[in-house]
Protein backbone atom coordinates (compact mmCIF):
# COMPACT_ATOMS: atom_id res chain seq x y z
CA MET A 1 -43.44 56.83 74.56
CA ASN A 2 -44.22 54.86 77.43
CA GLU A 3 -44.73 50.63 78.24
CA LYS A 4 -48.41 50.71 77.22
CA ASP A 5 -47.60 52.25 74.15
CA ARG A 6 -45.01 50.07 73.07
CA ALA A 7 -46.84 47.28 73.99
CA GLU A 8 -49.92 48.61 72.28
CA GLN A 9 -48.07 49.09 68.83
CA ALA A 10 -45.98 46.03 69.43
CA GLU A 11 -49.41 44.51 68.82
CA VAL A 12 -50.69 46.10 66.05
CA LEU A 13 -47.06 45.36 64.35
CA ARG A 14 -47.41 41.59 65.10
CA LYS A 15 -51.11 41.04 64.47
CA LEU A 16 -50.31 42.79 60.92
CA ILE A 17 -47.79 40.13 59.95
CA TYR A 18 -49.77 37.58 61.15
CA GLN A 19 -52.57 38.81 58.51
CA ILE A 20 -50.10 39.08 55.99
CA ALA A 21 -49.08 36.02 56.21
CA ALA A 22 -52.96 34.66 56.00
CA ALA A 23 -52.94 36.23 52.46
CA LEU A 24 -52.17 34.52 49.22
CA ARG A 25 -48.64 35.89 49.41
CA SER A 26 -45.65 35.50 52.21
CA PRO A 27 -44.83 38.58 54.04
CA LEU A 28 -41.38 37.35 53.56
CA ARG A 29 -41.52 37.70 49.51
CA PRO A 30 -41.47 41.29 48.96
CA PHE A 31 -44.14 43.49 46.33
CA SER A 32 -43.18 42.59 42.71
CA PHE A 33 -43.57 45.74 40.43
CA THR A 34 -42.54 43.56 37.41
CA GLU A 35 -44.82 40.77 38.52
CA HIS A 36 -47.45 44.08 38.80
CA LEU A 37 -46.91 45.20 35.58
CA ALA A 38 -46.87 41.79 33.83
CA GLN A 39 -50.44 41.49 35.27
CA VAL A 40 -51.55 44.44 33.97
CA GLU A 41 -50.46 43.83 30.45
CA ARG A 42 -51.77 40.22 30.62
CA ASP A 43 -55.15 41.81 32.00
CA VAL A 44 -55.21 44.96 29.36
CA LYS A 45 -54.19 42.28 26.41
CA GLU A 46 -57.31 39.86 27.02
CA VAL A 47 -59.70 42.47 26.94
CA THR A 48 -58.57 44.30 24.27
CA GLU A 49 -57.98 40.63 22.44
CA PHE A 50 -61.84 39.64 23.05
CA VAL A 51 -63.27 43.52 22.22
CA GLN A 52 -61.30 42.96 18.78
CA ALA A 53 -62.48 39.84 18.25
CA GLU A 54 -66.56 39.95 19.71
CA ILE A 55 -67.48 43.22 19.92
CA ARG A 56 -65.98 45.38 17.14
CA PRO A 57 -67.46 43.53 14.35
CA THR A 58 -70.92 43.94 15.71
CA TYR A 59 -70.14 47.96 14.80
CA THR A 60 -69.14 47.34 11.37
CA ASN A 61 -72.10 48.88 9.40
CA ILE A 62 -73.15 51.30 12.63
CA PRO A 63 -71.09 54.94 13.31
CA TYR A 64 -69.41 54.87 16.45
CA LEU A 65 -67.55 57.18 18.21
CA PHE A 66 -64.37 55.11 18.34
CA ALA A 67 -64.64 53.67 14.75
CA GLU A 68 -61.58 54.34 12.46
CA GLY A 69 -61.40 57.78 10.74
CA VAL A 70 -64.15 59.17 12.91
CA ARG A 71 -62.02 61.04 15.18
CA ALA A 72 -60.78 63.06 12.68
CA THR A 73 -64.23 64.62 12.06
CA ARG A 74 -65.57 65.11 16.00
CA GLY A 75 -64.94 68.49 15.74
CA PHE A 76 -67.25 70.96 17.33
CA GLU A 77 -69.74 70.90 15.71
CA ASN A 78 -70.45 67.16 15.62
CA GLU A 79 -69.54 66.59 19.21
CA PHE A 80 -72.07 69.89 20.32
CA ASN A 81 -74.66 68.35 17.93
CA ARG A 82 -74.13 64.68 19.32
CA LEU A 83 -74.28 65.72 23.26
CA LYS A 84 -77.25 67.96 22.33
CA SER A 85 -79.26 65.31 20.59
CA ARG A 86 -78.22 63.10 23.92
CA VAL A 87 -79.27 65.50 26.26
CA LEU A 88 -82.63 66.14 24.49
CA ASP A 89 -83.73 62.31 25.23
CA TYR A 90 -81.89 62.36 28.96
CA TYR A 91 -84.72 65.37 28.55
CA VAL A 92 -87.44 63.02 27.47
CA ASP A 93 -86.60 60.19 29.17
CA ALA A 94 -86.56 62.03 32.90
CA LEU A 95 -89.65 64.21 32.17
CA SER A 96 -91.64 61.09 30.70
CA GLU A 97 -90.41 59.43 34.40
CA GLN A 98 -91.80 62.65 36.47
CA ILE A 99 -95.07 62.39 34.42
CA PRO A 100 -96.82 59.66 33.69
CA GLU A 101 -99.26 61.03 31.38
CA LEU A 102 -96.38 61.68 29.34
CA ALA A 103 -94.77 58.41 29.66
CA LYS A 104 -98.10 56.59 28.70
CA ALA A 105 -98.50 59.24 25.26
CA LEU A 106 -95.28 58.21 24.44
CA GLU A 107 -95.29 54.45 24.88
CA ALA A 108 -99.44 55.07 23.04
CA PRO A 109 -99.12 58.00 21.29
CA PRO A 110 -102.84 59.59 20.75
CA LEU A 111 -104.40 59.95 17.85
CA ALA A 112 -102.40 58.86 14.49
CA ALA A 113 -98.61 59.84 15.79
CA THR A 114 -96.02 57.50 16.23
CA LYS A 115 -93.69 56.93 19.17
CA ALA A 116 -91.14 58.83 17.02
CA GLU A 117 -93.13 61.42 16.24
CA MET A 118 -94.05 62.25 20.01
CA ARG A 119 -90.57 61.86 20.97
CA ARG A 120 -89.86 64.32 18.56
CA GLU A 121 -91.83 67.08 19.52
CA THR A 122 -91.30 66.22 22.96
CA ARG A 123 -87.12 67.23 21.89
CA SER A 124 -88.49 70.49 19.83
CA TYR A 125 -90.54 71.71 22.85
CA ALA A 126 -87.02 71.68 24.95
CA ALA A 127 -84.78 73.18 22.33
CA LYS A 128 -87.02 75.53 21.93
CA GLU A 129 -88.53 76.58 24.83
CA ILE A 130 -86.67 75.58 27.08
CA MET A 131 -82.94 76.07 26.51
CA PRO A 132 -84.01 80.11 25.87
CA VAL A 133 -85.88 80.23 29.55
CA ILE A 134 -82.02 78.52 30.53
CA GLU A 135 -80.37 81.24 28.34
CA LYS A 136 -81.95 83.76 30.69
CA PHE A 137 -79.63 82.95 33.30
CA SER A 138 -75.50 83.77 32.86
CA SER A 139 -73.83 80.66 34.79
CA ALA A 140 -77.10 78.26 35.03
CA GLY A 141 -75.32 75.23 33.43
CA GLU A 142 -72.48 75.49 36.03
CA ASP A 143 -74.70 76.28 38.86
CA ILE A 144 -76.71 73.54 38.10
CA CYS A 145 -74.04 70.79 37.56
CA LEU A 146 -72.58 71.89 40.99
CA GLN A 147 -75.45 71.25 42.63
CA ILE A 148 -75.84 68.29 41.17
CA TYR A 149 -72.42 66.85 41.77
CA ALA A 150 -73.50 68.35 45.43
CA TRP A 151 -76.25 65.79 45.84
CA VAL A 152 -73.81 63.20 45.04
CA TRP A 153 -70.83 63.67 46.37
CA ASP A 154 -71.04 65.90 49.34
CA ALA A 155 -74.73 64.91 50.50
CA ASP A 156 -74.69 62.91 53.68
CA THR A 157 -75.74 59.27 52.97
CA THR A 158 -79.15 59.83 54.80
CA SER A 159 -80.43 62.42 52.20
CA LEU A 160 -78.76 60.46 49.14
CA VAL A 161 -80.60 57.02 50.23
CA ASN A 162 -83.70 59.06 50.68
CA ARG A 163 -83.63 60.65 47.66
CA VAL A 164 -83.23 57.84 45.35
CA ALA A 165 -85.56 55.69 47.46
CA GLU A 166 -88.14 58.74 46.97
CA THR A 167 -87.30 59.20 43.34
CA GLY A 168 -86.21 55.85 41.76
CA ILE A 169 -83.36 57.81 40.02
CA GLY A 170 -80.15 59.15 40.87
CA ALA A 171 -79.58 63.01 40.82
CA PRO A 172 -77.60 63.14 37.75
CA GLU A 173 -81.23 61.12 35.75
CA SER A 174 -83.12 64.04 36.97
CA VAL A 175 -85.02 66.46 34.76
CA LEU A 176 -82.90 69.36 36.43
CA ALA A 177 -79.69 67.70 35.59
CA THR A 178 -80.80 68.10 32.04
CA TYR A 179 -81.05 71.64 32.74
CA GLY A 180 -77.65 71.89 33.60
CA MET A 181 -76.35 70.01 30.54
CA LEU A 182 -78.42 71.77 28.53
CA GLY A 183 -76.58 75.51 30.08
CA LEU A 184 -73.09 74.00 29.53
CA LEU A 185 -74.04 73.58 25.88
CA ILE A 186 -75.16 77.02 25.37
CA ASP A 187 -72.14 78.33 27.08
CA ALA A 188 -70.29 76.61 24.60
CA ARG A 189 -71.88 77.72 21.61
CA LYS A 190 -71.52 81.15 22.62
CA ALA A 191 -68.17 80.86 23.51
CA TYR A 192 -67.17 79.20 20.09
CA ASP A 193 -69.32 81.66 18.31
CA ALA A 194 -67.37 84.41 20.05
CA GLY A 195 -63.63 82.70 18.98
CA ASN A 196 -63.01 81.29 22.15
CA VAL A 197 -62.80 77.71 21.10
CA GLU A 198 -60.79 76.38 24.23
CA GLN A 199 -63.40 77.88 26.53
CA ALA A 200 -66.13 76.02 24.37
CA TYR A 201 -64.37 72.99 24.13
CA SER A 202 -63.88 72.98 28.33
CA TYR A 203 -67.88 73.58 28.13
CA LEU A 204 -68.26 70.32 25.97
CA ASN A 205 -65.99 68.23 28.23
CA ASP A 206 -68.13 69.61 31.32
CA THR A 207 -71.18 68.20 29.57
CA SER A 208 -69.71 65.33 28.64
CA PHE A 209 -68.60 64.52 32.51
CA MET A 210 -72.47 65.67 33.59
CA VAL A 211 -73.44 62.49 30.20
CA GLY A 212 -70.96 60.38 32.58
CA MET A 213 -72.36 60.41 35.61
CA ARG A 214 -75.97 60.17 34.39
CA GLU A 215 -75.06 57.03 32.51
CA GLY A 216 -73.20 55.21 35.33
CA SER A 217 -76.64 56.34 37.61
CA ARG A 218 -79.13 55.52 35.01
CA GLY A 219 -77.10 51.99 34.88
CA ILE A 220 -77.52 51.36 38.75
CA THR A 221 -81.06 52.79 39.20
CA LYS A 222 -82.05 50.81 36.55
CA HIS A 223 -82.09 47.22 38.30
CA LEU A 224 -82.96 48.70 42.09
CA PRO A 225 -84.74 46.17 42.85
CA GLU A 226 -82.29 43.04 41.84
CA LEU A 227 -79.57 45.18 43.01
CA THR A 228 -81.25 45.70 46.61
CA LYS A 229 -81.75 42.09 47.29
CA LYS A 230 -78.16 41.22 45.67
CA MET A 231 -76.17 43.55 48.10
CA HIS A 232 -77.99 42.10 51.03
CA GLN A 233 -77.07 38.91 49.76
CA SER A 234 -73.43 40.54 48.81
CA TYR A 235 -73.22 41.75 52.81
CA LEU A 236 -74.07 38.78 54.38
CA SER A 237 -71.27 36.93 52.44
CA HIS A 238 -68.98 39.88 53.33
CA LYS A 239 -69.50 39.51 56.87
CA SER A 240 -68.74 35.26 56.07
CA ARG A 241 -65.66 36.37 54.29
CA ALA A 242 -64.29 39.00 57.06
CA LYS A 243 -65.41 36.07 60.06
CA LYS A 244 -63.12 33.57 57.47
CA ARG A 245 -60.02 36.52 56.93
CA GLU A 246 -60.48 36.59 60.81
CA ASP A 247 -60.10 33.04 61.46
CA SER A 248 -57.24 32.70 59.02
CA VAL A 249 -55.19 35.64 61.20
CA LYS A 250 -55.80 33.31 64.44
CA ALA A 251 -54.72 30.27 62.51
CA VAL A 252 -51.19 31.60 61.73
CA GLU A 253 -50.73 33.35 65.37
CA LEU A 254 -51.40 29.54 66.42
CA PHE A 255 -49.37 28.14 63.77
CA CYS A 256 -46.70 30.29 65.47
CA LYS A 257 -47.68 29.67 68.62
CA LEU A 258 -48.13 25.58 68.95
CA ARG A 259 -44.93 25.01 66.97
CA PRO A 260 -43.57 21.70 68.46
CA VAL A 261 -40.46 21.77 70.63
CA ASN A 262 -37.19 20.02 70.94
CA ALA A 263 -35.17 18.37 73.49
CA HIS A 264 -33.91 21.75 75.10
CA GLY A 265 -37.27 23.34 75.02
CA GLU A 266 -36.85 25.28 71.78
CA LYS A 267 -39.48 25.89 69.46
CA ILE A 268 -38.91 23.96 66.15
CA ALA A 269 -40.50 24.23 62.32
CA TRP A 270 -43.39 22.06 61.75
CA ASP A 271 -42.87 18.60 59.90
CA LYS A 272 -46.07 18.02 58.13
CA GLY A 273 -49.14 21.04 57.71
CA ILE A 274 -51.79 18.35 58.63
CA VAL A 275 -49.99 18.03 61.84
CA ALA A 276 -49.97 22.08 62.17
CA ALA A 277 -53.87 21.89 60.75
CA MET A 278 -54.95 19.04 63.37
CA ALA A 279 -53.03 20.93 66.21
CA ILE A 280 -54.58 24.21 65.40
CA TRP A 281 -58.05 23.11 64.47
CA GLU A 282 -58.06 21.60 68.34
CA VAL A 283 -57.55 25.24 69.77
CA MET A 284 -59.93 26.28 67.26
CA GLU A 285 -62.76 24.36 67.39
CA LYS A 286 -62.48 24.38 71.47
CA ASP A 287 -62.73 28.40 71.28
CA ALA A 288 -65.85 28.32 68.71
CA HIS A 289 -67.48 25.92 71.03
CA GLU A 290 -66.83 27.83 74.28
CA ALA A 291 -68.42 30.84 72.15
CA GLY A 292 -71.30 28.98 71.18
CA ILE A 293 -70.32 29.46 67.60
CA MET A 294 -68.46 27.32 64.17
CA PRO A 295 -65.54 28.49 63.03
CA ALA A 296 -65.81 29.99 59.66
CA LEU A 297 -62.43 28.74 58.16
CA ARG A 298 -63.61 24.79 57.24
CA PHE A 299 -60.21 22.35 58.06
CA SER A 300 -59.52 21.96 54.54
CA GLY A 301 -58.77 25.28 54.09
CA LEU A 302 -57.15 25.27 57.39
CA LYS A 303 -54.98 22.37 56.40
CA THR A 304 -54.26 24.48 53.15
CA LEU A 305 -52.75 27.33 55.17
CA CYS A 306 -50.53 25.29 56.88
CA GLU A 307 -49.41 23.40 53.95
CA ARG A 308 -48.18 26.59 52.64
CA LEU A 309 -46.94 27.63 55.71
CA VAL A 310 -44.81 24.98 56.22
CA ARG A 311 -43.33 24.57 52.16
CA GLU A 312 -42.26 28.41 52.75
CA GLU A 313 -40.59 27.23 55.37
CA LYS A 314 -38.85 24.52 54.29
CA GLU A 315 -37.95 27.03 51.13
CA GLY A 316 -36.02 29.47 53.50
CA SER A 317 -38.83 31.45 55.03
CA THR A 318 -39.76 31.95 58.44
CA LEU A 319 -42.44 33.08 60.82
CA ASN A 320 -40.66 33.21 63.81
CA PHE A 321 -39.84 36.82 64.59
CA GLU A 322 -39.36 39.04 67.95
CA ILE A 323 -40.61 42.49 68.26
CA ARG A 324 -38.24 44.98 70.08
CA TRP A 325 -38.07 48.35 70.60
CA VAL A 326 -34.47 50.29 70.80
CA ARG A 327 -33.56 53.32 72.13
CA VAL A 328 -30.63 55.72 69.31
CA PRO A 329 -28.67 57.89 71.61
CA PRO A 330 -28.75 61.62 69.72
CA ASP A 331 -25.16 60.73 69.43
CA ARG A 332 -25.52 57.42 67.89
CA GLY A 333 -26.44 59.14 64.39
CA SER A 334 -29.15 57.50 62.15
CA SER A 335 -28.03 53.91 62.92
CA VAL A 336 -27.95 51.47 65.63
CA PHE A 337 -25.98 48.88 64.54
CA ASP A 338 -22.43 51.18 64.31
């Protein structure tokens, strides 16, 4: 490694230490798995207590998947019929988005038909007419679902964005995706009837996976206009936060560089956070003025950061450090301290 490479790596390490110090925790206080696990426990406890107190009671008189005693009844037939019913509903929804006339008919049924009857007829059409067509192909379910998966995960950003922008839906919400799910259910039924229970459940699992993809996609695309606006706001906010983090790192660097010196010309610790903040702010304001911008880090935030660093130094931590490269001779073993 030449001198230039060593200098570049030293600079990367120096910046990393400053970045850690600018964050909420001291770089000299090691990560505590005990603290992390305690936080995990608090998070889980908070959610479960809320769900048991506020959400589960609302399902008291409504059958749902996680109700006590329900899991024992979730054998193949129940799971197959539950998934089939859901996918048929998806088919009606997807087809009505693709065919505006159907959407209007479902909303305002012709003649004396009710909305429920119209929906039931469309579901019946899918079960009696569409499924036999899909069944003609040996691996239609897997093939179609792999295509949907590829459109979501393997497509380039431009293609993915264009597809959603043109259709208003994600690939897992499409009519084609429902064909794939129905194909998997067909394969599940065949495997179960043939006595291959494990394979049958594997097809049910794949169907559930596709259902999850569809639900996740739907949860986003149904709010696309509001989401687009909010994402733009978040993007601007992210740029602001990134600049603030950059200023915080710069402040930590100046905290070390601008330390006061004693009579021997040696750098010493800051006595007060406010003193450090004022000295650093003067430099940061000057640099920002020359660049024609305003510091992203406010003085109040700088003062809080400096007070924390001063407090940690008084507790025994310090940000005085030196980076050295040491060449270890081959015959010295694994330690440079022998």
